[in-house]
PDB file of N, CA and C in Angstrom:
ATOM      1  N   UNK A   1      -9.298   1.561  -8.667  1.00  0.00           N
ATOM      2  CA  UNK A   1      -8.310   2.372  -8.423  1.00  0.00           C
ATOM      3  C   UNK A   1      -6.664   1.142  -8.642  1.00  0.00           C
ATOM      4  N   UNK A   2      -5.830   1.673  -9.773  1.00  0.00           N
ATOM      5  CA  UNK A   2      -4.753   0.819  -9.841  1.00  0.00           C
ATOM      6  C   UNK A   2      -4.218   1.475  -8.966  1.00  0.00           C
ATOM      7  N   UNK A   3      -3.104   0.354  -8.103  1.00  0.00           N
ATOM      8  CA  UNK A   3      -1.699   0.906  -7.788  1.00  0.00           C
ATOM      9  C   UNK A   3      -0.567   0.541  -8.527  1.00  0.00           C
ATOM     10  N   UNK A   4       0.378   1.682  -8.804  1.00  0.00           N
ATOM     11  CA  UNK A   4       1.799   1.387  -9.196  1.00  0.00           C
ATOM     12  C   UNK A   4       2.914   0.147  -8.611  1.00  0.00           C
ATOM     13  N   UNK A   5       3.335  -0.791  -8.966  1.00  0.00           N
ATOM     14  CA  UNK A   5       3.773  -1.349  -8.244  1.00  0.00           C
ATOM     15  C   UNK A   5       5.805  -1.802  -8.787  1.00  0.00           C
ATOM     16  N   UNK A   6       6.250  -2.156  -8.674  1.00  0.00           N
ATOM     17  CA  UNK A   6       7.869  -2.161  -9.116  1.00  0.00           C
ATOM     18  C   UNK A   6       8.018  -3.740  -8.737  1.00  0.00           C
ATOM     19  N   UNK A   7       8.213  -4.624  -9.176  1.00  0.00           N
ATOM     20  CA  UNK A   7       8.669  -5.742  -8.778  1.00  0.00           C
ATOM     21  C   UNK A   7      10.029  -5.548  -8.766  1.00  0.00           C
ATOM     22  N   UNK A   8      10.331  -7.314  -8.158  1.00  0.00           N
ATOM     23  CA  UNK A   8      11.892  -7.487  -7.576  1.00  0.00           C
ATOM     24  C   UNK A   8      12.694  -7.506  -8.608  1.00  0.00           C
ATOM     25  N   UNK A   9      11.961  -8.031  -9.864  1.00  0.00           N
ATOM     26  CA  UNK A   9      13.325  -8.073 -11.225  1.00  0.00           C
ATOM     27  C   UNK A   9      13.365  -6.818 -11.623  1.00  0.00           C
ATOM     28  N   UNK A  10      12.544  -5.525 -11.044  1.00  0.00           N
ATOM     29  CA  UNK A  10      12.946  -4.375 -12.049  1.00  0.00           C
ATOM     30  C   UNK A  10      11.635  -3.808 -12.510  1.00  0.00           C
ATOM     31  N   UNK A  11      10.549  -4.360 -13.262  1.00  0.00           N
ATOM     32  CA  UNK A  11      10.068  -4.350 -14.014  1.00  0.00           C
ATOM     33  C   UNK A  11       8.681  -3.314 -13.518  1.00  0.00           C
ATOM     34  N   UNK A  12       7.967  -2.684 -13.908  1.00  0.00           N
ATOM     35  CA  UNK A  12       6.894  -2.203 -13.328  1.00  0.00           C
ATOM     36  C   UNK A  12       5.369  -2.732 -13.999  1.00  0.00           C
ATOM     37  N   UNK A  13       4.365  -2.606 -12.875  1.00  0.00           N
ATOM     38  CA  UNK A  13       3.075  -2.701 -13.386  1.00  0.00           C
ATOM     39  C   UNK A  13       1.947  -2.211 -12.574  1.00  0.00           C
ATOM     40  N   UNK A  14       0.614  -2.251 -12.504  1.00  0.00           N
ATOM     41  CA  UNK A  14      -0.444  -2.032 -11.971  1.00  0.00           C
ATOM     42  C   UNK A  14      -1.376  -3.225 -11.374  1.00  0.00           C
ATOM     43  N   UNK A  15      -1.390  -3.351 -10.175  1.00  0.00           N
ATOM     44  CA  UNK A  15      -2.377  -3.924  -9.429  1.00  0.00           C
ATOM     45  C   UNK A  15      -3.235  -3.379  -8.763  1.00  0.00           C
ATOM     46  N   UNK A  16      -4.554  -4.094  -8.844  1.00  0.00           N
ATOM     47  CA  UNK A  16      -5.746  -4.286  -7.893  1.00  0.00           C
ATOM     48  C   UNK A  16      -5.226  -3.719  -6.454  1.00  0.00           C
ATOM     49  N   UNK A  17      -5.788  -2.642  -5.599  1.00  0.00           N
ATOM     50  CA  UNK A  17      -5.415  -2.581  -4.400  1.00  0.00           C
ATOM     51  C   UNK A  17      -5.415  -4.494  -3.835  1.00  0.00           C
ATOM     52  N   UNK A  18      -6.306  -5.134  -3.816  1.00  0.00           N
ATOM     53  CA  UNK A  18      -6.331  -6.116  -3.225  1.00  0.00           C
ATOM     54  C   UNK A  18      -5.273  -7.249  -3.015  1.00  0.00           C
ATOM     55  N   UNK A  19      -4.705  -7.161  -4.597  1.00  0.00           N
ATOM     56  CA  UNK A  19      -3.582  -8.033  -4.549  1.00  0.00           C
ATOM     57  C   UNK A  19      -2.152  -7.780  -3.974  1.00  0.00           C
ATOM     58  N   UNK A  20      -2.098  -5.911  -3.459  1.00  0.00           N
ATOM     59  CA  UNK A  20      -1.184  -5.207  -2.789  1.00  0.00           C
ATOM     60  C   UNK A  20      -0.430  -6.541  -1.882  1.00  0.00           C
ATOM     61  N   UNK A  21      -1.417  -6.654  -0.758  1.00  0.00           N
ATOM     62  CA  UNK A  21      -0.846  -7.421   0.324  1.00  0.00           C
ATOM     63  C   UNK A  21       0.058  -8.861   0.333  1.00  0.00           C
ATOM     64  N   UNK A  22      -0.898  -9.407  -0.654  1.00  0.00           N
ATOM     65  CA  UNK A  22      -0.031 -10.820  -0.853  1.00  0.00           C
ATOM     66  C   UNK A  22       1.123 -10.203  -1.751  1.00  0.00           C
ATOM     67  N   UNK A  23       1.307  -9.795  -3.031  1.00  0.00           N
ATOM     68  CA  UNK A  23       2.283  -9.666  -3.274  1.00  0.00           C
ATOM     69  C   UNK A  23       3.610  -9.077  -2.289  1.00  0.00           C
ATOM     70  N   UNK A  24       3.005  -8.376  -1.433  1.00  0.00           N
ATOM     71  CA  UNK A  24       4.120  -7.740  -0.371  1.00  0.00           C
ATOM     72  C   UNK A  24       4.811  -8.815   0.697  1.00  0.00           C
ATOM     73  N   UNK A  25       3.483 -10.149   0.661  1.00  0.00           N
ATOM     74  CA  UNK A  25       3.804 -10.994   1.903  1.00  0.00           C
ATOM     75  C   UNK A  25       4.752 -12.258   0.957  1.00  0.00           C
ATOM     76  N   UNK A  26       4.834 -12.245  -0.238  1.00  0.00           N
ATOM     77  CA  UNK A  26       5.230 -13.375  -1.078  1.00  0.00           C
ATOM     78  C   UNK A  26       6.783 -12.545  -1.558  1.00  0.00           C
ATOM     79  N   UNK A  27       6.819 -11.274  -0.929  1.00  0.00           N
ATOM     80  CA  UNK A  27       8.709 -10.934  -1.772  1.00  0.00           C
ATOM     81  C   UNK A  27       8.247 -10.545  -3.191  1.00  0.00           C
ATOM     82  N   UNK A  28       7.241 -10.469  -3.620  1.00  0.00           N
ATOM     83  CA  UNK A  28       7.832 -10.176  -5.159  1.00  0.00           C
ATOM     84  C   UNK A  28       7.640  -8.770  -5.904  1.00  0.00           C
ATOM     85  N   UNK A  29       7.114  -7.900  -4.787  1.00  0.00           N
ATOM     86  CA  UNK A  29       7.348  -6.599  -5.181  1.00  0.00           C
ATOM     87  C   UNK A  29       8.303  -5.970  -4.384  1.00  0.00           C
ATOM     88  N   UNK A  30       8.909  -4.576  -5.288  1.00  0.00           N
ATOM     89  CA  UNK A  30      10.170  -4.220  -4.304  1.00  0.00           C
ATOM     90  C   UNK A  30       9.956  -2.635  -3.787  1.00  0.00           C
ATOM     91  N   UNK A  31       8.902  -2.507  -4.369  1.00  0.00           N
ATOM     92  CA  UNK A  31       8.083  -1.062  -4.010  1.00  0.00           C
ATOM     93  C   UNK A  31       6.897  -1.087  -4.605  1.00  0.00           C
ATOM     94  N   UNK A  32       5.537   0.285  -3.924  1.00  0.00           N
ATOM     95  CA  UNK A  32       4.665   0.519  -4.653  1.00  0.00           C
ATOM     96  C   UNK A  32       4.768   1.852  -4.522  1.00  0.00           C
ATOM     97  N   UNK A  33       3.343   2.540  -5.194  1.00  0.00           N
ATOM     98  CA  UNK A  33       3.395   4.191  -5.208  1.00  0.00           C
ATOM     99  C   UNK A  33       2.418   4.511  -4.356  1.00  0.00           C
ATOM    100  N   UNK A  34       2.431   5.256  -3.330  1.00  0.00           N
ATOM    101  CA  UNK A  34       1.231   6.066  -2.565  1.00  0.00           C
ATOM    102  C   UNK A  34       1.116   7.369  -3.043  1.00  0.00           C
ATOM    103  N   UNK A  35      -0.138   7.961  -2.385  1.00  0.00           N
ATOM    104  CA  UNK A  35      -0.286   9.561  -2.936  1.00  0.00           C
ATOM    105  C   UNK A  35       0.966  10.453  -2.667  1.00  0.00           C
ATOM    106  N   UNK A  36       1.693   9.968  -1.787  1.00  0.00           N
ATOM    107  CA  UNK A  36       2.492  10.360  -1.281  1.00  0.00           C
ATOM    108  C   UNK A  36       4.100  10.436  -1.623  1.00  0.00           C
ATOM    109  N   UNK A  37       4.042   9.444  -2.333  1.00  0.00           N
ATOM    110  CA  UNK A  37       5.753   8.881  -3.443  1.00  0.00           C
ATOM    111  C   UNK A  37       5.809   7.217  -3.291  1.00  0.00           C
ATOM    112  N   UNK A  38       6.826   6.597  -3.744  1.00  0.00           N
ATOM    113  CA  UNK A  38       7.012   5.536  -3.773  1.00  0.00           C
ATOM    114  C   UNK A  38       7.331   4.825  -2.144  1.00  0.00           C
ATOM    115  N   UNK A  39       7.085   3.597  -1.688  1.00  0.00           N
ATOM    116  CA  UNK A  39       7.612   2.645  -0.820  1.00  0.00           C
ATOM    117  C   UNK A  39       7.744   1.955  -0.836  1.00  0.00           C
ATOM    118  N   UNK A  40       9.373   1.572  -0.700  1.00  0.00           N
ATOM    119  CA  UNK A  40      10.482   0.727  -0.111  1.00  0.00           C
ATOM    120  C   UNK A  40       9.641  -0.907   0.615  1.00  0.00           C
ATOM    121  N   UNK A  41       9.360  -1.591   0.145  1.00  0.00           N
ATOM    122  CA  UNK A  41       8.681  -2.539   1.719  1.00  0.00           C
ATOM    123  C   UNK A  41       9.620  -3.302   2.135  1.00  0.00           C
ATOM    124  N   UNK A  42      10.964  -2.826   1.982  1.00  0.00           N
ATOM    125  CA  UNK A  42      11.503  -3.918   2.383  1.00  0.00           C
ATOM    126  C   UNK A  42      12.659  -2.552   3.601  1.00  0.00           C
ATOM    127  N   UNK A  43      12.231  -1.615   3.656  1.00  0.00           N
ATOM    128  CA  UNK A  43      12.460  -0.114   4.729  1.00  0.00           C
ATOM    129  C   UNK A  43      11.612   0.522   5.119  1.00  0.00           C
ATOM    130  N   UNK A  44      10.829   0.724   4.200  1.00  0.00           N
ATOM    131  CA  UNK A  44       9.416   1.873   4.943  1.00  0.00           C
ATOM    132  C   UNK A  44       8.608   1.277   5.606  1.00  0.00           C
ATOM    133  N   UNK A  45       7.639   1.899   6.549  1.00  0.00           N
ATOM    134  CA  UNK A  45       6.704   1.426   7.010  1.00  0.00           C
ATOM    135  C   UNK A  45       5.698   1.062   6.502  1.00  0.00           C
ATOM    136  N   UNK A  46       4.769   0.172   6.694  1.00  0.00           N
ATOM    137  CA  UNK A  46       3.874   0.009   6.154  1.00  0.00           C
ATOM    138  C   UNK A  46       2.970  -0.881   6.700  1.00  0.00           C
ATOM    139  N   UNK A  47       1.266  -0.486   6.605  1.00  0.00           N
ATOM    140  CA  UNK A  47       0.130  -1.127   7.113  1.00  0.00           C
ATOM    141  C   UNK A  47       0.505  -2.601   7.227  1.00  0.00           C
ATOM    142  N   UNK A  48       0.087  -3.212   8.031  1.00  0.00           N
ATOM    143  CA  UNK A  48       0.009  -5.034   8.271  1.00  0.00           C
ATOM    144  C   UNK A  48      -1.280  -5.129   8.362  1.00  0.00           C
ATOM    145  N   UNK A  49      -1.617  -5.964   7.609  1.00  0.00           N
ATOM    146  CA  UNK A  49      -3.109  -6.882   7.690  1.00  0.00           C
ATOM    147  C   UNK A  49      -3.386  -7.263   9.693  1.00  0.00           C
ATOM    148  N   UNK A  50      -4.443  -7.051  10.144  1.00  0.00           N
ATOM    149  CA  UNK A  50      -4.237  -7.828  11.371  1.00  0.00           C
ATOM    150  C   UNK A  50      -5.597  -8.833  11.455  1.00  0.00           C
ATOM    151  N   UNK A  51      -5.004  -9.904  12.352  1.00  0.00           N
ATOM    152  CA  UNK A  51      -5.721 -11.266  12.320  1.00  0.00           C
ATOM    153  C   UNK A  51      -7.100 -10.681  13.113  1.00  0.00           C
ATOM    154  N   UNK A  52      -8.148 -11.634  13.041  1.00  0.00           N
ATOM    155  CA  UNK A  52      -9.315 -11.547  13.308  1.00  0.00           C
ATOM    156  C   UNK A  52      -9.435 -11.342  15.306  1.00  0.00           C
ATOM    157  N   UNK A  53      -8.247 -12.158  15.786  1.00  0.00           N
ATOM    158  CA  UNK A  53      -8.073 -11.942  17.480  1.00  0.00           C
ATOM    159  C   UNK A  53      -7.242 -10.495  17.599  1.00  0.00           C
ATOM    160  N   UNK A  54      -6.542 -10.131  16.861  1.00  0.00           N
ATOM    161  CA  UNK A  54      -6.211  -8.748  16.858  1.00  0.00           C
ATOM    162  C   UNK A  54      -7.404  -7.444  17.013  1.00  0.00           C
ATOM    163  N   UNK A  55      -8.433  -7.844  16.623  1.00  0.00           N
ATOM    164  CA  UNK A  55      -9.845  -6.407  16.502  1.00  0.00           C
ATOM    165  C   UNK A  55     -10.084  -6.825  17.680  1.00  0.00           C
ATOM    166  N   UNK A  56     -10.627  -7.940  17.939  1.00  0.00           N
ATOM    167  CA  UNK A  56     -11.422  -8.566  19.514  1.00  0.00           C
ATOM    168  C   UNK A  56     -10.471  -7.901  20.532  1.00  0.00           C
ATOM    169  N   UNK A  57      -9.057  -8.028  20.741  1.00  0.00           N
ATOM    170  CA  UNK A  57      -8.784  -7.565  21.849  1.00  0.00           C
ATOM    171  C   UNK A  57      -8.449  -5.780  22.145  1.00  0.00           C
ATOM    172  N   UNK A  58      -8.946  -5.223  21.302  1.00  0.00           N
ATOM    173  CA  UNK A  58      -8.738  -3.564  21.277  1.00  0.00           C
ATOM    174  C   UNK A  58      -9.164  -3.108  22.427  1.00  0.00           C
ATOM    175  N   UNK A  59      -9.284  -1.988  23.128  1.00  0.00           N
ATOM    176  CA  UNK A  59      -9.465  -1.476  24.084  1.00  0.00           C
ATOM    177  C   UNK A  59      -9.905  -0.070  23.125  1.00  0.00           C
ATOM    178  N   UNK A  60     -11.220   0.276  23.772  1.00  0.00           N
ATOM    179  CA  UNK A  60     -11.180   1.857  23.190  1.00  0.00           C
ATOM    180  C   UNK A  60     -11.677   2.666  24.569  1.00  0.00           C
TER     181      UNK A  60
END
């Protein structure tokens, strides 16, 4: 499954899901499309990748 994205320069493309986090972190994209619509990476809430330490400290 490819994810539609809009780069910071206004051009559109599609990327593999594993590439999305790097593009967000490097501020190379402005938005990406989810099933419920476009997400502005500077405004809308997005999931952040957790570090391994955060996984270990979770209590159930």
